[in-house]
C-alpha atoms as a PDB file:
ATOM      1  CA  MET A   1       3.378 -67.429  40.815  1.00  0.00           C
ATOM      2  CA  ASP A   2       1.621 -70.013  38.752  1.00  0.00           C
ATOM      3  CA  GLY A   3      -0.657 -69.341  35.798  1.00  0.00           C
ATOM      4  CA  PHE A   4      -3.822 -69.104  37.887  1.00  0.00           C
ATOM      5  CA  ASN A   5      -2.416 -66.340  40.097  1.00  0.00           C
ATOM      6  CA  ILE A   6      -1.346 -64.337  37.058  1.00  0.00           C
ATOM      7  CA  VAL A   7      -4.815 -64.656  35.518  1.00  0.00           C
ATOM      8  CA  MET A   8      -6.423 -63.605  38.824  1.00  0.00           C
ATOM      9  CA  VAL A   9      -4.211 -60.507  39.091  1.00  0.00           C
ATOM     10  CA  ILE A  10      -5.057 -59.472  35.538  1.00  0.00           C
ATOM     11  CA  ALA A  11      -8.790 -60.034  36.157  1.00  0.00           C
ATOM     12  CA  ILE A  12      -8.720 -57.982  39.371  1.00  0.00           C
ATOM     13  CA  ILE A  13      -6.946 -55.110  37.615  1.00  0.00           C
ATOM     14  CA  LEU A  14      -9.479 -55.128  34.769  1.00  0.00           C
ATOM     15  CA  PHE A  15     -12.458 -55.204  37.154  1.00  0.00           C
ATOM     16  CA  ALA A  16     -10.959 -52.370  39.196  1.00  0.00           C
ATOM     17  CA  ARG A  17     -10.563 -50.247  36.069  1.00  0.00           C
ATOM     18  CA  LEU A  18     -14.130 -51.024  35.030  1.00  0.00           C
ATOM     19  CA  GLY A  19     -15.411 -50.070  38.488  1.00  0.00           C
ATOM     20  CA  VAL A  20     -13.565 -46.761  38.431  1.00  0.00           C
ATOM     21  CA  ARG A  21     -14.989 -45.957  34.980  1.00  0.00           C
ATOM     22  CA  LEU A  22     -18.526 -46.807  36.100  1.00  0.00           C
ATOM     23  CA  VAL A  23     -18.288 -44.692  39.262  1.00  0.00           C
ATOM     24  CA  THR A  24     -16.803 -41.674  37.497  1.00  0.00           C
ATOM     25  CA  GLY A  25     -19.397 -41.971  34.730  1.00  0.00           C
ATOM     26  CA  TYR A  26     -22.207 -42.154  37.278  1.00  0.00           C
ATOM     27  CA  ILE A  27     -20.932 -39.081  39.149  1.00  0.00           C
ATOM     28  CA  LYS A  28     -20.570 -37.169  35.869  1.00  0.00           C
ATOM     29  CA  MET A  29     -24.080 -38.164  34.756  1.00  0.00           C
ATOM     30  CA  LYS A  30     -25.549 -37.179  38.121  1.00  0.00           C
ATOM     31  CA  LYS A  31     -23.780 -33.794  37.999  1.00  0.00           C
ATOM     32  CA  GLU A  32     -25.017 -33.088  34.455  1.00  0.00           C
ATOM     33  CA  SER A  33     -28.540 -34.087  35.456  1.00  0.00           C
ATOM     34  CA  LYS A  34     -28.435 -31.676  38.393  1.00  0.00           C
ATOM     35  CA  GLU A  35     -27.157 -28.841  36.172  1.00  0.00           C
ATOM     36  CA  ASN A  36     -29.877 -29.527  33.596  1.00  0.00           C
ATOM     37  CA  GLN A  37     -32.524 -29.438  36.321  1.00  0.00           C
ATOM     38  CA  GLN A  38     -31.220 -26.077  37.533  1.00  0.00           C
ATOM     39  CA  ASP A  39     -31.314 -24.747  33.964  1.00  0.00           C
ATOM     40  CA  LEU A  40     -34.957 -25.831  33.644  1.00  0.00           C
ATOM     41  CA  ASP A  41     -35.794 -24.206  36.978  1.00  0.00           C
ATOM     42  CA  ASN A  42     -34.331 -20.913  35.769  1.00  0.00           C
ATOM     43  CA  LEU A  43     -36.660 -20.703  32.765  1.00  0.00           C
END
């Protein structure tokens, strides 16, 4: 593997990690929003 391939592999790994963090954060935010809405409905 030459230098370009190594850089590409590292970039792909970093973007994959970023994507996973964004998706899990979005799901967590959506879940908390739904729970907060249910709490407001119960008042």
